[in-house]
N, C-alpha and C. Protein backbone atom coordinates (compact mmCIF):
# COMPACT_ATOMS: atom_id res chain seq x y z
N PHE A 1 -71.99 -28.19 91.15
CA PHE A 1 -70.84 -29.21 90.36
C PHE A 1 -69.68 -28.46 90.96
N MET A 2 -69.40 -27.17 90.95
CA MET A 2 -68.02 -26.61 91.33
C MET A 2 -67.97 -26.77 92.65
N SER A 3 -68.75 -26.31 93.54
CA SER A 3 -68.71 -27.27 94.85
C SER A 3 -68.48 -28.04 95.08
N TYR A 4 -68.64 -29.23 94.65
CA TYR A 4 -68.57 -30.84 94.63
C TYR A 4 -67.21 -31.07 94.10
N CYS A 5 -66.46 -30.48 93.15
CA CYS A 5 -65.43 -30.75 92.67
C CYS A 5 -64.53 -29.93 93.35
N GLY A 6 -64.74 -28.76 93.87
CA GLY A 6 -63.80 -28.14 94.47
C GLY A 6 -63.40 -28.79 95.40
N GLY A 7 -64.07 -29.71 96.33
CA GLY A 7 -64.12 -30.67 97.39
C GLY A 7 -62.24 -31.04 97.23
N CYS A 8 -62.72 -31.70 96.08
CA CYS A 8 -61.92 -33.15 95.48
C CYS A 8 -60.55 -31.85 94.85
N PHE A 9 -60.15 -30.85 94.48
CA PHE A 9 -59.29 -30.01 93.87
C PHE A 9 -58.67 -29.55 95.29
N LYS A 10 -59.12 -29.65 96.26
CA LYS A 10 -58.50 -29.18 96.96
C LYS A 10 -57.99 -30.01 97.98
N GLY A 11 -58.68 -31.13 97.82
CA GLY A 11 -57.96 -32.46 98.70
C GLY A 11 -57.31 -33.24 98.00
N ILE A 12 -57.67 -34.22 96.93
CA ILE A 12 -56.85 -35.27 96.64
C ILE A 12 -55.97 -34.67 95.44
N CYS A 13 -56.47 -33.76 94.36
CA CYS A 13 -55.70 -32.98 93.53
C CYS A 13 -54.71 -32.03 93.55
N GLY A 14 -55.11 -31.32 95.27
CA GLY A 14 -54.17 -30.47 95.51
C GLY A 14 -53.05 -31.11 96.04
N LYS A 15 -53.08 -32.26 96.70
CA LYS A 15 -51.49 -33.09 97.04
C LYS A 15 -51.26 -33.94 95.53
N LEU A 16 -51.83 -33.97 94.97
CA LEU A 16 -51.56 -34.15 93.55
C LEU A 16 -50.12 -33.19 93.15
N VAL A 17 -50.73 -32.05 92.76
CA VAL A 17 -49.55 -31.23 92.47
C VAL A 17 -48.13 -31.36 92.84
N PRO A 18 -47.70 -31.35 94.41
CA PRO A 18 -46.29 -30.90 94.47
C PRO A 18 -45.67 -32.23 93.72
N LEU A 19 -46.39 -33.69 94.04
CA LEU A 19 -46.06 -34.67 93.69
C LEU A 19 -45.50 -34.71 91.88
N LEU A 20 -46.03 -33.92 91.28
CA LEU A 20 -46.18 -33.93 89.63
C LEU A 20 -44.73 -32.74 89.45
N LEU A 21 -44.43 -32.41 90.34
CA LEU A 21 -44.00 -31.20 90.29
C LEU A 21 -42.53 -31.12 90.68
N ASP A 22 -42.70 -32.42 91.09
CA ASP A 22 -41.55 -32.98 92.00
C ASP A 22 -40.35 -33.59 91.38
N LYS A 23 -39.58 -33.01 90.66
CA LYS A 23 -38.71 -33.63 89.71
C LYS A 23 -37.84 -35.35 90.28
N PRO A 24 -37.33 -34.72 90.71
CA PRO A 24 -36.57 -36.08 91.79
C PRO A 24 -37.37 -37.37 91.65
N LYS A 25 -38.59 -37.00 92.04
CA LYS A 25 -39.48 -38.02 92.39
C LYS A 25 -40.04 -38.49 91.06
N VAL A 26 -40.09 -37.61 90.22
CA VAL A 26 -40.96 -37.91 88.52
C VAL A 26 -39.97 -38.64 87.86
N ARG A 27 -38.69 -38.46 87.84
CA ARG A 27 -37.27 -39.06 87.73
C ARG A 27 -37.40 -40.32 87.79
N ALA A 28 -37.20 -40.49 89.77
CA ALA A 28 -37.25 -42.29 90.26
C ALA A 28 -38.71 -42.84 89.40
N ALA A 29 -39.72 -42.72 88.89
CA ALA A 29 -40.76 -42.97 88.99
C ALA A 29 -40.72 -43.15 87.43
N CYS A 30 -40.23 -42.74 86.68
CA CYS A 30 -40.04 -42.67 85.47
C CYS A 30 -39.20 -44.20 85.12
N ARG A 31 -38.23 -43.91 85.94
CA ARG A 31 -36.78 -44.84 86.23
C ARG A 31 -37.22 -46.26 86.30
N GLU A 32 -38.28 -46.54 87.07
CA GLU A 32 -38.72 -47.73 87.48
C GLU A 32 -39.86 -48.12 86.41
N LEU A 33 -40.19 -47.30 85.70
CA LEU A 33 -41.42 -47.65 84.46
C LEU A 33 -40.45 -47.91 83.28
N PHE A 34 -39.48 -47.24 83.44
CA PHE A 34 -38.98 -47.97 81.90
C PHE A 34 -38.29 -49.21 81.95
N LYS A 35 -38.00 -49.89 83.63
CA LYS A 35 -37.61 -51.03 83.42
C LYS A 35 -38.61 -52.14 83.04
N LYS A 36 -39.95 -51.70 83.38
CA LYS A 36 -40.91 -52.62 83.20
C LYS A 36 -41.40 -53.03 81.87
N VAL A 37 -40.91 -51.69 81.07
CA VAL A 37 -41.19 -51.66 79.73
C VAL A 37 -40.56 -52.34 78.65
N ASP A 38 -39.09 -51.60 79.49
CA ASP A 38 -37.55 -52.57 78.85
C ASP A 38 -37.32 -53.69 79.37
N ILE A 39 -38.51 -55.08 78.99
CA ILE A 39 -38.85 -56.01 79.10
C ILE A 39 -37.57 -57.11 78.78
N ASP A 40 -36.77 -57.04 77.44
CA ASP A 40 -35.78 -57.68 77.62
C ASP A 40 -34.45 -57.02 77.94
N ASN A 41 -34.26 -55.88 78.74
CA ASN A 41 -33.50 -55.38 79.42
C ASN A 41 -32.28 -54.89 78.45
N THR A 42 -32.61 -54.26 77.40
CA THR A 42 -31.47 -53.87 76.26
C THR A 42 -31.36 -52.44 76.64
N GLY A 43 -31.54 -51.75 77.51
CA GLY A 43 -31.20 -50.37 78.24
C GLY A 43 -32.30 -49.72 76.95
N THR A 44 -33.00 -50.08 76.51
CA THR A 44 -33.62 -49.10 75.27
C THR A 44 -35.10 -49.57 75.17
N ILE A 45 -36.12 -48.81 74.83
CA ILE A 45 -37.23 -49.57 74.55
C ILE A 45 -37.60 -49.35 72.80
N THR A 46 -37.83 -50.12 72.79
CA THR A 46 -38.01 -50.72 71.39
C THR A 46 -39.52 -50.33 70.85
N ALA A 47 -39.42 -50.47 69.64
CA ALA A 47 -41.14 -51.12 68.89
C ALA A 47 -41.80 -51.50 69.29
N LYS A 48 -40.77 -52.94 69.23
CA LYS A 48 -41.51 -54.64 69.93
C LYS A 48 -41.82 -54.01 71.24
N ASN A 49 -40.99 -53.42 72.08
CA ASN A 49 -41.73 -53.98 73.45
C ASN A 49 -42.94 -52.76 73.42
N ILE A 50 -43.09 -51.91 73.05
CA ILE A 50 -44.10 -51.06 73.15
C ILE A 50 -45.30 -51.67 72.38
N GLU A 51 -45.12 -52.43 71.40
CA GLU A 51 -45.83 -53.07 70.38
C GLU A 51 -46.73 -53.91 71.36
N ASP A 52 -46.05 -55.18 72.17
CA ASP A 52 -45.91 -56.08 73.29
C ASP A 52 -47.06 -55.61 73.97
N LEU A 53 -46.52 -54.23 74.59
CA LEU A 53 -47.33 -53.53 76.08
C LEU A 53 -48.84 -53.15 75.22
N LEU A 54 -48.77 -52.46 74.19
CA LEU A 54 -49.77 -52.19 73.74
C LEU A 54 -50.92 -53.28 73.51
N ASN A 55 -50.40 -54.14 72.73
CA ASN A 55 -51.24 -55.38 72.60
C ASN A 55 -51.66 -55.99 73.80
N LYS A 56 -51.02 -55.83 74.56
CA LYS A 56 -51.66 -56.59 76.17
C LYS A 56 -52.72 -55.72 76.62
N LEU A 57 -52.42 -54.76 76.13
CA LEU A 57 -53.82 -53.70 77.26
C LEU A 57 -54.91 -53.91 76.32
N ALA A 58 -54.24 -54.04 74.78
CA ALA A 58 -55.67 -53.63 73.78
C ALA A 58 -56.45 -55.07 74.29
N GLY A 59 -55.67 -56.05 74.48
CA GLY A 59 -56.31 -57.71 74.73
C GLY A 59 -57.65 -57.47 75.95
N LYS A 60 -57.30 -56.33 76.85
CA LYS A 60 -57.64 -56.30 78.35
C LYS A 60 -59.08 -55.35 77.96
N PHE A 61 -58.72 -54.31 76.82
CA PHE A 61 -60.28 -53.51 76.73
C PHE A 61 -60.53 -53.66 75.55
N ARG A 62 -60.28 -54.86 74.61
CA ARG A 62 -61.29 -55.70 73.33
C ARG A 62 -61.02 -54.71 72.45
N PHE A 63 -59.60 -54.23 72.17
CA PHE A 63 -59.23 -53.08 71.03
C PHE A 63 -58.04 -53.54 70.26
N LYS A 64 -58.27 -52.86 68.92
CA LYS A 64 -57.05 -53.19 67.75
C LYS A 64 -55.69 -52.35 67.35
N VAL A 65 -54.88 -52.77 68.33
CA VAL A 65 -53.82 -51.85 67.83
C VAL A 65 -53.36 -51.29 66.71
N PRO A 66 -53.68 -50.34 66.16
CA PRO A 66 -53.36 -49.85 64.59
C PRO A 66 -51.76 -50.21 64.40
N ALA A 67 -51.54 -50.69 63.30
CA ALA A 67 -50.53 -51.34 62.81
C ALA A 67 -49.57 -49.62 62.41
N GLY A 68 -48.16 -49.90 63.38
CA GLY A 68 -47.92 -48.52 62.95
C GLY A 68 -47.59 -47.79 64.33
N ALA A 69 -48.32 -47.68 65.27
CA ALA A 69 -48.50 -47.18 66.65
C ALA A 69 -47.45 -47.68 67.43
N ALA A 70 -46.90 -48.03 67.06
CA ALA A 70 -45.66 -48.11 68.38
C ALA A 70 -44.39 -47.55 67.82
N GLN A 71 -44.25 -47.43 66.17
CA GLN A 71 -43.19 -46.83 65.60
C GLN A 71 -43.48 -45.33 65.87
N MET A 72 -44.71 -45.12 65.90
CA MET A 72 -45.29 -43.46 65.77
C MET A 72 -44.92 -43.48 67.32
N ALA A 73 -44.96 -43.82 68.58
CA ALA A 73 -44.60 -43.73 69.49
C ALA A 73 -43.43 -43.56 70.24
N ILE A 74 -42.43 -44.27 69.40
CA ILE A 74 -41.16 -44.47 69.55
C ILE A 74 -40.73 -42.51 68.45
N ASN A 75 -41.25 -42.74 67.80
CA ASN A 75 -40.70 -41.40 66.31
C ASN A 75 -41.09 -39.97 67.37
N ALA A 76 -42.01 -40.56 68.67
CA ALA A 76 -42.70 -39.06 69.12
C ALA A 76 -41.44 -39.00 69.75
N VAL A 77 -40.83 -39.53 70.82
CA VAL A 77 -39.81 -39.55 72.12
C VAL A 77 -38.72 -39.50 71.61
N ASP A 78 -37.86 -40.23 70.28
CA ASP A 78 -36.71 -40.41 69.91
C ASP A 78 -36.06 -39.37 69.49
N GLN A 79 -35.17 -38.38 70.00
CA GLN A 79 -34.77 -37.50 69.88
C GLN A 79 -33.44 -37.28 69.24
N THR A 80 -32.82 -38.47 69.33
CA THR A 80 -31.42 -38.68 68.67
C THR A 80 -31.86 -39.94 67.39
N LYS A 81 -33.10 -39.82 66.92
CA LYS A 81 -33.03 -40.77 65.80
C LYS A 81 -32.45 -41.66 65.45
N SER A 82 -32.23 -42.75 67.12
CA SER A 82 -31.47 -43.93 66.93
C SER A 82 -32.57 -45.18 66.48
N GLY A 83 -34.00 -44.48 66.46
CA GLY A 83 -34.88 -45.87 66.19
C GLY A 83 -35.30 -46.62 67.42
N ASP A 84 -35.43 -46.00 68.48
CA ASP A 84 -35.67 -46.57 69.88
C ASP A 84 -35.49 -45.53 70.86
N ILE A 85 -36.07 -45.62 72.03
CA ILE A 85 -35.90 -45.00 72.96
C ILE A 85 -35.28 -44.76 74.80
N SER A 86 -34.06 -44.36 74.54
CA SER A 86 -33.07 -44.54 75.88
C SER A 86 -33.75 -44.10 77.21
N GLU A 87 -33.56 -44.45 78.16
CA GLU A 87 -33.70 -44.32 79.50
C GLU A 87 -33.89 -42.60 79.51
N GLU A 88 -32.82 -41.91 78.94
CA GLU A 88 -32.71 -40.10 79.09
C GLU A 88 -34.07 -39.78 78.72
N GLU A 89 -34.11 -40.29 77.78
CA GLU A 89 -35.67 -39.67 76.46
C GLU A 89 -36.45 -40.25 77.02
N PHE A 90 -36.79 -41.25 77.51
CA PHE A 90 -38.17 -41.53 78.28
C PHE A 90 -38.55 -40.63 79.84
N CYS A 91 -37.31 -40.72 80.44
CA CYS A 91 -37.47 -39.76 81.70
C CYS A 91 -37.48 -38.47 81.36
N GLN A 92 -37.36 -37.69 80.33
CA GLN A 92 -37.44 -36.52 79.97
C GLN A 92 -38.94 -36.13 79.73
N MET A 93 -39.21 -37.16 78.67
CA MET A 93 -40.79 -37.28 78.05
C MET A 93 -41.65 -37.21 79.63
N GLY A 94 -41.13 -38.05 80.46
CA GLY A 94 -42.17 -38.36 81.71
C GLY A 94 -41.90 -36.80 82.65
N GLU A 95 -41.09 -36.32 82.32
CA GLU A 95 -41.04 -34.92 83.73
C GLU A 95 -41.48 -33.81 82.61
N ARG A 96 -41.77 -33.95 81.27
CA ARG A 96 -42.22 -33.05 80.82
C ARG A 96 -43.76 -32.95 80.94
N PHE A 97 -44.04 -34.31 80.99
CA PHE A 97 -45.58 -34.47 81.02
C PHE A 97 -46.26 -33.96 82.41
N CYS A 98 -45.57 -35.14 83.42
CA CYS A 98 -46.36 -34.29 84.92
C CYS A 98 -45.54 -32.52 84.67
N GLU A 99 -44.89 -32.19 84.70
CA GLU A 99 -44.52 -30.92 84.72
C GLU A 99 -45.90 -30.01 84.09
N PHE A 100 -46.23 -30.31 83.01
CA PHE A 100 -47.56 -29.97 82.00
C PHE A 100 -48.73 -30.21 82.97
N CYS A 101 -48.94 -30.99 83.16
CA CYS A 101 -50.28 -31.73 83.84
C CYS A 101 -50.18 -31.11 85.56
N GLY A 102 -48.76 -31.26 86.27
CA GLY A 102 -49.36 -30.14 87.55
C GLY A 102 -49.07 -28.78 87.60
N GLN A 103 -49.21 -28.31 86.37
CA GLN A 103 -49.10 -26.72 86.16
C GLN A 103 -50.73 -26.85 86.24
N LYS A 104 -50.96 -27.50 85.18
CA LYS A 104 -52.61 -27.32 84.73
C LYS A 104 -53.48 -27.17 85.95
N LEU A 105 -53.32 -28.50 86.61
CA LEU A 105 -53.75 -28.83 87.46
C LEU A 105 -53.67 -28.03 89.00
N GLN A 106 -52.80 -27.22 89.17
CA GLN A 106 -52.31 -26.19 89.92
C GLN A 106 -52.85 -25.04 89.95
N VAL A 107 -53.16 -24.89 88.53
CA VAL A 107 -54.58 -23.44 88.08
C VAL A 107 -55.50 -24.14 88.13
N ALA A 108 -56.33 -25.06 88.41
CA ALA A 108 -57.25 -25.60 88.40
C ALA A 108 -57.81 -25.71 89.75
N VAL A 109 -56.62 -26.22 90.79
CA VAL A 109 -56.62 -25.84 92.11
C VAL A 109 -57.12 -24.38 92.74
N GLU A 110 -56.34 -23.45 92.20
CA GLU A 110 -56.16 -22.02 92.62
C GLU A 110 -57.35 -21.64 91.99
N ALA A 111 -57.89 -22.27 91.18
CA ALA A 111 -59.48 -21.54 90.46
C ALA A 111 -60.29 -21.72 91.86
N THR A 112 -60.50 -23.00 92.30
CA THR A 112 -61.68 -23.37 92.82
C THR A 112 -61.34 -22.35 94.55
N LYS A 113 -59.85 -22.01 94.86
CA LYS A 113 -60.05 -20.88 96.17
C LYS A 113 -60.45 -19.63 96.40
N LYS A 114 -60.78 -19.22 94.85
CA LYS A 114 -61.52 -18.25 94.65
C LYS A 114 -63.05 -17.90 95.04
């Protein structure tokens, strides 16, 4: 199993690590994604934006979004307690997530080299 997965980690995953750890690229991608979620162009992501997105995804995968899920997502990211997510808060969350994933993936890639 490791020899099969090792090829993937060294190939595709090995190329993914630098992208995940490239903060300027991650920030640019986060800004683009932010614009797509902020469909009403208010400059913030609201619970309604998240609710609409979750319901759209839920319909495709045939599951029901729990009541309050959108607000829970807002509360998890909203550092200023404004009730919505600013572009800066969104980008910081994306950067932290990508950095975490990049570091974990880097460890896995290095493990396949041994």
